[in-house]
Amino acid sequence: MPPGRHLLPADFVAQNQRERLLLAVALLASERGYQKTTIEAIAKTARVALATFYENFANKEECFLAAFDQNVEVAVELLGELVDQTQPWPDRVVVATRGLLDLMAAEPASARLCLVEAPGAGSAGLQRYQAMLERVALKLREGRQLLPSEDSLPEGLELATAGGLAWILYQRLNQRGDEQLTELLPEMIQIALAPYVGREEAVARATAAAAEGPGPEAAGEAGTA
């Protein structure tokens, strides 16, 4: 939206300004870290007045958490569109994992906000991060339906697995940014599936997924580069 006077509806302008603030906090937190991101820098990057920031958010933490929540919900919605719930659970895991990596590669600032910066963004940020892992754990727990007895695995396995997968992504984002995130696909599939389908089948599915190449979103981006 261009600066200056215009005839756009006030509610549209307000929503546009809020979206720009959310984008700005993600970009700045990705570049300089949450702690070094200031309200002044967020407003400047979003190209809004400082007063506009305070019309939307009480402080930096509130803005950051709103961006976190938005990014998580967008990811959940997009992955929900990709995954066919009529498919067997292992197939759904493969599709969701591929889709997540494609999305992270396309939106590296959002990925860093959720997986790198959130745990260190105060107690509220850590709580949001843990809640995100718990949502992943619930999806992983669906794999227990493949076992003779759902009690054959430790109660906290899924949450530990979700934390391990997040750690792998954290390390890659910290070391190499969003470069070649899809390389992590086989490893993540093996970790997610092995407790439920066995190591041999998990490796076979991971190998097959890697052989398929990038997902449709990644392939589309490569074609337009």
C-alpha atoms as a PDB file:
ATOM      1  CA  MET A   1       0.000   0.000   0.000  1.00  0.00           C
ATOM      2  CA  PRO A   2       1.511   3.392  -0.986  1.00  0.00           C
ATOM      3  CA  PRO A   3       2.210   5.958   1.757  1.00  0.00           C
ATOM      4  CA  GLY A   4       0.318   9.213   2.014  1.00  0.00           C
ATOM      5  CA  ARG A   5      -3.364  10.100   1.682  1.00  0.00           C
ATOM      6  CA  HIS A   6      -5.669   7.743  -0.184  1.00  0.00           C
ATOM      7  CA  LEU A   7      -9.315   6.759  -0.449  1.00  0.00           C
ATOM      8  CA  LEU A   8      -8.966   3.229   0.846  1.00  0.00           C
ATOM      9  CA  PRO A   9     -11.419   2.104   3.576  1.00  0.00           C
ATOM     10  CA  ALA A  10     -10.132   2.644   7.109  1.00  0.00           C
ATOM     11  CA  ASP A  11     -10.557  -1.005   8.079  1.00  0.00           C
ATOM     12  CA  PHE A  12      -8.522  -2.109   5.055  1.00  0.00           C
ATOM     13  CA  VAL A  13      -5.746   0.338   5.954  1.00  0.00           C
ATOM     14  CA  ALA A  14      -5.711  -0.843   9.565  1.00  0.00           C
ATOM     15  CA  GLN A  15      -5.521  -4.507   8.552  1.00  0.00           C
ATOM     16  CA  ASN A  16      -2.789  -3.757   6.030  1.00  0.00           C
ATOM     17  CA  GLN A  17      -0.739  -1.941   8.662  1.00  0.00           C
ATOM     18  CA  ARG A  18      -1.128  -4.797  11.132  1.00  0.00           C
ATOM     19  CA  GLU A  19      -0.017  -7.346   8.524  1.00  0.00           C
ATOM     20  CA  ARG A  20       3.032  -5.237   7.727  1.00  0.00           C
ATOM     21  CA  LEU A  21       3.937  -5.085  11.409  1.00  0.00           C
ATOM     22  CA  LEU A  22       3.688  -8.863  11.696  1.00  0.00           C
ATOM     23  CA  LEU A  23       5.862  -9.306   8.635  1.00  0.00           C
ATOM     24  CA  ALA A  24       8.366  -6.770   9.953  1.00  0.00           C
ATOM     25  CA  VAL A  25       8.798  -8.446  13.331  1.00  0.00           C
ATOM     26  CA  ALA A  26       9.386 -11.796  11.601  1.00  0.00           C
ATOM     27  CA  LEU A  27      11.988 -10.328   9.250  1.00  0.00           C
ATOM     28  CA  LEU A  28      13.829  -8.438  11.994  1.00  0.00           C
ATOM     29  CA  ALA A  29      13.765 -11.307  14.480  1.00  0.00           C
ATOM     30  CA  SER A  30      15.158 -13.540  11.742  1.00  0.00           C
ATOM     31  CA  GLU A  31      17.954 -11.112  10.891  1.00  0.00           C
ATOM     32  CA  ARG A  32      19.018  -9.799  14.299  1.00  0.00           C
ATOM     33  CA  GLY A  33      17.244 -12.021  16.845  1.00  0.00           C
ATOM     34  CA  TYR A  34      14.276 -11.301  19.095  1.00  0.00           C
ATOM     35  CA  GLN A  35      16.257  -9.631  21.850  1.00  0.00           C
ATOM     36  CA  LYS A  36      17.877  -7.100  19.495  1.00  0.00           C
ATOM     37  CA  THR A  37      14.664  -6.300  17.660  1.00  0.00           C
ATOM     38  CA  THR A  38      13.150  -2.991  18.797  1.00  0.00           C
ATOM     39  CA  ILE A  39       9.697  -1.514  18.456  1.00  0.00           C
ATOM     40  CA  GLU A  40      11.163   1.438  16.599  1.00  0.00           C
ATOM     41  CA  ALA A  41      12.784  -0.875  14.060  1.00  0.00           C
ATOM     42  CA  ILE A  42       9.565  -2.844  13.615  1.00  0.00           C
ATOM     43  CA  ALA A  43       7.570   0.319  12.901  1.00  0.00           C
ATOM     44  CA  LYS A  44      10.232   1.646  10.532  1.00  0.00           C
ATOM     45  CA  THR A  45      10.463  -1.630   8.611  1.00  0.00           C
ATOM     46  CA  ALA A  46       6.668  -1.807   8.374  1.00  0.00           C
ATOM     47  CA  ARG A  47       6.613   1.836   7.230  1.00  0.00           C
ATOM     48  CA  VAL A  48       4.103   2.906   9.847  1.00  0.00           C
ATOM     49  CA  ALA A  49       4.200   5.516  12.591  1.00  0.00           C
ATOM     50  CA  LEU A  50       5.268   4.469  16.061  1.00  0.00           C
ATOM     51  CA  ALA A  51       1.794   5.411  17.265  1.00  0.00           C
ATOM     52  CA  THR A  52       0.342   2.914  14.802  1.00  0.00           C
ATOM     53  CA  PHE A  53       2.387   0.154  16.383  1.00  0.00           C
ATOM     54  CA  TYR A  54       0.894   0.936  19.792  1.00  0.00           C
ATOM     55  CA  GLU A  55      -2.597   1.052  18.305  1.00  0.00           C
ATOM     56  CA  ASN A  56      -2.091  -2.606  17.399  1.00  0.00           C
ATOM     57  CA  PHE A  57       0.170  -3.999  20.101  1.00  0.00           C
ATOM     58  CA  ALA A  58       1.001  -3.127  23.695  1.00  0.00           C
ATOM     59  CA  ASN A  59       4.652  -4.117  23.345  1.00  0.00           C
ATOM     60  CA  LYS A  60       7.182  -6.063  21.282  1.00  0.00           C
ATOM     61  CA  GLU A  61       6.286  -9.392  22.894  1.00  0.00           C
ATOM     62  CA  GLU A  62       2.631  -9.064  21.948  1.00  0.00           C
ATOM     63  CA  CYS A  63       3.571  -8.304  18.339  1.00  0.00           C
ATOM     64  CA  PHE A  64       5.987 -11.234  18.219  1.00  0.00           C
ATOM     65  CA  LEU A  65       3.441 -13.661  19.668  1.00  0.00           C
ATOM     66  CA  ALA A  66       0.793 -12.497  17.192  1.00  0.00           C
ATOM     67  CA  ALA A  67       3.221 -13.177  14.338  1.00  0.00           C
ATOM     68  CA  PHE A  68       4.040 -16.587  15.807  1.00  0.00           C
ATOM     69  CA  ASP A  69       0.370 -17.522  16.130  1.00  0.00           C
ATOM     70  CA  GLN A  70      -0.401 -16.369  12.603  1.00  0.00           C
ATOM     71  CA  ASN A  71       2.476 -18.321  11.083  1.00  0.00           C
ATOM     72  CA  VAL A  72       1.580 -21.505  12.925  1.00  0.00           C
ATOM     73  CA  GLU A  73      -2.057 -21.301  11.873  1.00  0.00           C
ATOM     74  CA  VAL A  74      -1.133 -20.595   8.251  1.00  0.00           C
ATOM     75  CA  ALA A  75       1.170 -23.632   8.267  1.00  0.00           C
ATOM     76  CA  VAL A  76      -1.528 -25.828   9.807  1.00  0.00           C
ATOM     77  CA  GLU A  77      -4.050 -24.674   7.195  1.00  0.00           C
ATOM     78  CA  LEU A  78      -1.698 -25.193   4.258  1.00  0.00           C
ATOM     79  CA  LEU A  79      -0.584 -28.628   5.427  1.00  0.00           C
ATOM     80  CA  GLY A  80      -4.203 -29.553   6.040  1.00  0.00           C
ATOM     81  CA  GLU A  81      -4.924 -28.795   2.385  1.00  0.00           C
ATOM     82  CA  LEU A  82      -2.000 -30.945   1.250  1.00  0.00           C
ATOM     83  CA  VAL A  83      -2.745 -34.012   3.346  1.00  0.00           C
ATOM     84  CA  ASP A  84      -5.446 -36.426   2.220  1.00  0.00           C
ATOM     85  CA  GLN A  85      -6.980 -37.769   5.423  1.00  0.00           C
ATOM     86  CA  THR A  86      -8.163 -40.901   3.620  1.00  0.00           C
ATOM     87  CA  GLN A  87      -4.555 -41.973   3.029  1.00  0.00           C
ATOM     88  CA  PRO A  88      -2.768 -44.349   5.424  1.00  0.00           C
ATOM     89  CA  TRP A  89      -1.117 -42.553   8.354  1.00  0.00           C
ATOM     90  CA  PRO A  90       2.496 -43.128   7.153  1.00  0.00           C
ATOM     91  CA  ASP A  91       1.646 -41.548   3.790  1.00  0.00           C
ATOM     92  CA  ARG A  92       0.143 -38.541   5.560  1.00  0.00           C
ATOM     93  CA  VAL A  93       3.324 -38.110   7.573  1.00  0.00           C
ATOM     94  CA  VAL A  94       5.445 -38.144   4.420  1.00  0.00           C
ATOM     95  CA  VAL A  95       3.243 -35.564   2.681  1.00  0.00           C
ATOM     96  CA  ALA A  96       3.103 -33.312   5.748  1.00  0.00           C
ATOM     97  CA  THR A  97       6.852 -33.469   6.320  1.00  0.00           C
ATOM     98  CA  ARG A  98       7.605 -32.646   2.697  1.00  0.00           C
ATOM     99  CA  GLY A  99       5.070 -29.816   2.752  1.00  0.00           C
ATOM    100  CA  LEU A 100       6.530 -28.368   5.936  1.00  0.00           C
ATOM    101  CA  LEU A 101      10.062 -28.321   4.546  1.00  0.00           C
ATOM    102  CA  ASP A 102       8.856 -26.721   1.310  1.00  0.00           C
ATOM    103  CA  LEU A 103       6.994 -24.080   3.297  1.00  0.00           C
ATOM    104  CA  MET A 104      10.005 -23.343   5.487  1.00  0.00           C
ATOM    105  CA  ALA A 105      12.215 -22.974   2.437  1.00  0.00           C
ATOM    106  CA  ALA A 106       9.719 -20.536   0.935  1.00  0.00           C
ATOM    107  CA  GLU A 107       9.268 -18.561   4.178  1.00  0.00           C
ATOM    108  CA  PRO A 108      12.619 -18.692   6.020  1.00  0.00           C
ATOM    109  CA  ALA A 109      11.912 -15.663   8.224  1.00  0.00           C
ATOM    110  CA  SER A 110       8.711 -17.263   9.503  1.00  0.00           C
ATOM    111  CA  ALA A 111      10.535 -20.549  10.052  1.00  0.00           C
ATOM    112  CA  ARG A 112      13.220 -18.858  12.131  1.00  0.00           C
ATOM    113  CA  LEU A 113      10.643 -16.924  14.125  1.00  0.00           C
ATOM    114  CA  CYS A 114       8.806 -20.106  15.124  1.00  0.00           C
ATOM    115  CA  LEU A 115      11.690 -22.555  15.544  1.00  0.00           C
ATOM    116  CA  VAL A 116      14.707 -20.436  16.488  1.00  0.00           C
ATOM    117  CA  GLU A 117      13.520 -17.246  18.157  1.00  0.00           C
ATOM    118  CA  ALA A 118      10.314 -18.299  19.935  1.00  0.00           C
ATOM    119  CA  PRO A 119      11.939 -20.460  22.648  1.00  0.00           C
ATOM    120  CA  GLY A 120      14.055 -17.473  23.725  1.00  0.00           C
ATOM    121  CA  ALA A 121      11.288 -14.878  23.511  1.00  0.00           C
ATOM    122  CA  GLY A 122      10.370 -14.962  27.198  1.00  0.00           C
ATOM    123  CA  SER A 123       8.094 -17.352  29.048  1.00  0.00           C
ATOM    124  CA  ALA A 124       5.157 -16.671  26.725  1.00  0.00           C
ATOM    125  CA  GLY A 125       7.247 -17.412  23.651  1.00  0.00           C
ATOM    126  CA  LEU A 126       8.464 -20.657  25.178  1.00  0.00           C
ATOM    127  CA  GLN A 127       4.898 -21.651  26.056  1.00  0.00           C
ATOM    128  CA  ARG A 128       3.786 -21.016  22.478  1.00  0.00           C
ATOM    129  CA  TYR A 129       6.710 -23.095  21.204  1.00  0.00           C
ATOM    130  CA  GLN A 130       5.855 -25.980  23.523  1.00  0.00           C
ATOM    131  CA  ALA A 131       2.189 -25.812  22.510  1.00  0.00           C
ATOM    132  CA  MET A 132       3.272 -26.070  18.871  1.00  0.00           C
ATOM    133  CA  LEU A 133       5.285 -29.207  19.660  1.00  0.00           C
ATOM    134  CA  GLU A 134       2.295 -30.683  21.464  1.00  0.00           C
ATOM    135  CA  ARG A 135       0.177 -30.228  18.330  1.00  0.00           C
ATOM    136  CA  VAL A 136       2.795 -32.114  16.334  1.00  0.00           C
ATOM    137  CA  ALA A 137       2.910 -34.811  19.010  1.00  0.00           C
ATOM    138  CA  LEU A 138      -0.844 -35.378  18.697  1.00  0.00           C
ATOM    139  CA  LYS A 139      -0.441 -36.055  14.976  1.00  0.00           C
ATOM    140  CA  LEU A 140       2.440 -38.436  15.613  1.00  0.00           C
ATOM    141  CA  ARG A 141       0.403 -40.262  18.254  1.00  0.00           C
ATOM    142  CA  GLU A 142      -2.053 -41.315  15.560  1.00  0.00           C
ATOM    143  CA  GLY A 143       0.615 -43.804  14.490  1.00  0.00           C
ATOM    144  CA  ARG A 144      -0.123 -45.883  17.589  1.00  0.00           C
ATOM    145  CA  GLN A 145      -3.209 -47.214  15.846  1.00  0.00           C
ATOM    146  CA  LEU A 146      -0.817 -49.323  13.747  1.00  0.00           C
ATOM    147  CA  LEU A 147       0.550 -51.106  16.823  1.00  0.00           C
ATOM    148  CA  PRO A 148      -0.874 -54.232  18.505  1.00  0.00           C
ATOM    149  CA  SER A 149      -1.145 -52.212  21.709  1.00  0.00           C
ATOM    150  CA  GLU A 150      -1.031 -48.434  22.037  1.00  0.00           C
ATOM    151  CA  ASP A 151       0.627 -48.888  25.439  1.00  0.00           C
ATOM    152  CA  SER A 152       3.669 -50.574  23.908  1.00  0.00           C
ATOM    153  CA  LEU A 153       5.470 -47.230  23.570  1.00  0.00           C
ATOM    154  CA  PRO A 154       6.472 -44.761  26.295  1.00  0.00           C
ATOM    155  CA  GLU A 155       3.815 -42.152  27.051  1.00  0.00           C
ATOM    156  CA  GLY A 156       6.056 -39.209  26.256  1.00  0.00           C
ATOM    157  CA  LEU A 157       7.514 -40.594  23.032  1.00  0.00           C
ATOM    158  CA  GLU A 158       5.604 -38.343  20.631  1.00  0.00           C
ATOM    159  CA  LEU A 159       6.466 -35.128  22.440  1.00  0.00           C
ATOM    160  CA  ALA A 160      10.113 -36.177  22.597  1.00  0.00           C
ATOM    161  CA  THR A 161      10.031 -36.996  18.875  1.00  0.00           C
ATOM    162  CA  ALA A 162       8.450 -33.634  18.037  1.00  0.00           C
ATOM    163  CA  GLY A 163      11.161 -31.909  20.077  1.00  0.00           C
ATOM    164  CA  GLY A 164      13.858 -33.882  18.294  1.00  0.00           C
ATOM    165  CA  LEU A 165      12.511 -32.994  14.869  1.00  0.00           C
ATOM    166  CA  ALA A 166      12.312 -29.327  15.874  1.00  0.00           C
ATOM    167  CA  TRP A 167      15.914 -29.492  17.062  1.00  0.00           C
ATOM    168  CA  ILE A 168      17.059 -30.827  13.700  1.00  0.00           C
ATOM    169  CA  LEU A 169      15.325 -27.914  11.979  1.00  0.00           C
ATOM    170  CA  TYR A 170      16.731 -25.445  14.512  1.00  0.00           C
ATOM    171  CA  GLN A 171      20.271 -26.623  13.864  1.00  0.00           C
ATOM    172  CA  ARG A 172      19.910 -26.433  10.088  1.00  0.00           C
ATOM    173  CA  LEU A 173      18.370 -22.951  10.212  1.00  0.00           C
ATOM    174  CA  ASN A 174      21.144 -21.736  12.509  1.00  0.00           C
ATOM    175  CA  GLN A 175      23.980 -23.291  10.549  1.00  0.00           C
ATOM    176  CA  ARG A 176      22.881 -22.916   6.934  1.00  0.00           C
ATOM    177  CA  GLY A 177      19.703 -20.875   6.954  1.00  0.00           C
ATOM    178  CA  ASP A 178      17.058 -22.136   4.577  1.00  0.00           C
ATOM    179  CA  GLU A 179      19.630 -23.681   2.234  1.00  0.00           C
ATOM    180  CA  GLN A 180      18.615 -27.155   1.049  1.00  0.00           C
ATOM    181  CA  LEU A 181      16.099 -27.747   3.822  1.00  0.00           C
ATOM    182  CA  THR A 182      14.556 -30.528   1.756  1.00  0.00           C
ATOM    183  CA  GLU A 183      17.722 -32.558   2.335  1.00  0.00           C
ATOM    184  CA  LEU A 184      16.318 -33.228   5.809  1.00  0.00           C
ATOM    185  CA  LEU A 185      13.281 -35.075   4.433  1.00  0.00           C
ATOM    186  CA  PRO A 186      14.600 -38.681   4.650  1.00  0.00           C
ATOM    187  CA  GLU A 187      16.005 -38.242   8.157  1.00  0.00           C
ATOM    188  CA  MET A 188      12.823 -36.653   9.489  1.00  0.00           C
ATOM    189  CA  ILE A 189      10.596 -39.299   7.922  1.00  0.00           C
ATOM    190  CA  GLN A 190      12.662 -42.087   9.452  1.00  0.00           C
ATOM    191  CA  ILE A 191      12.523 -40.523  12.912  1.00  0.00           C
ATOM    192  CA  ALA A 192       8.776 -39.921  12.700  1.00  0.00           C
ATOM    193  CA  LEU A 193       7.783 -43.339  11.341  1.00  0.00           C
ATOM    194  CA  ALA A 194      10.232 -45.836  12.821  1.00  0.00           C
ATOM    195  CA  PRO A 195       8.518 -46.333  16.221  1.00  0.00           C
ATOM    196  CA  TYR A 196       5.265 -47.289  14.500  1.00  0.00           C
ATOM    197  CA  VAL A 197       6.178 -49.098  11.278  1.00  0.00           C
ATOM    198  CA  GLY A 198       9.648 -50.387  12.142  1.00  0.00           C
ATOM    199  CA  ARG A 199      13.052 -49.225  10.978  1.00  0.00           C
ATOM    200  CA  GLU A 200      13.069 -51.174   7.712  1.00  0.00           C
ATOM    201  CA  GLU A 201       9.784 -49.762   6.416  1.00  0.00           C
ATOM    202  CA  ALA A 202      10.651 -46.266   7.696  1.00  0.00           C
ATOM    203  CA  VAL A 203      13.929 -46.337   5.756  1.00  0.00           C
ATOM    204  CA  ALA A 204      12.147 -47.607   2.631  1.00  0.00           C
ATOM    205  CA  ARG A 205       9.557 -44.831   2.797  1.00  0.00           C
ATOM    206  CA  ALA A 206      12.231 -42.210   3.446  1.00  0.00           C
ATOM    207  CA  THR A 207      14.269 -43.433   0.495  1.00  0.00           C
ATOM    208  CA  ALA A 208      11.225 -43.417  -1.783  1.00  0.00           C
ATOM    209  CA  ALA A 209      10.280 -39.896  -0.672  1.00  0.00           C
ATOM    210  CA  ALA A 210      13.801 -38.626  -1.352  1.00  0.00           C
ATOM    211  CA  ALA A 211      13.749 -40.209  -4.812  1.00  0.00           C
ATOM    212  CA  GLU A 212      10.567 -38.334  -5.690  1.00  0.00           C
ATOM    213  CA  GLY A 213      12.415 -35.031  -5.539  1.00  0.00           C
ATOM    214  CA  PRO A 214      10.966 -31.736  -4.288  1.00  0.00           C
ATOM    215  CA  GLY A 215       7.283 -31.260  -3.615  1.00  0.00           C
ATOM    216  CA  PRO A 216       5.026 -29.368  -6.030  1.00  0.00           C
ATOM    217  CA  GLU A 217       5.597 -26.014  -4.298  1.00  0.00           C
ATOM    218  CA  ALA A 218       9.376 -26.333  -4.366  1.00  0.00           C
ATOM    219  CA  ALA A 219       9.324 -27.536  -7.965  1.00  0.00           C
ATOM    220  CA  GLY A 220       7.186 -24.554  -8.916  1.00  0.00           C
ATOM    221  CA  GLU A 221       9.626 -22.138  -7.311  1.00  0.00           C
ATOM    222  CA  ALA A 222      12.559 -23.766  -9.079  1.00  0.00           C
ATOM    223  CA  GLY A 223      10.771 -23.406 -12.386  1.00  0.00           C
ATOM    224  CA  THR A 224      10.244 -19.665 -11.876  1.00  0.00           C
ATOM    225  CA  ALA A 225      13.754 -18.904 -10.621  1.00  0.00           C
END
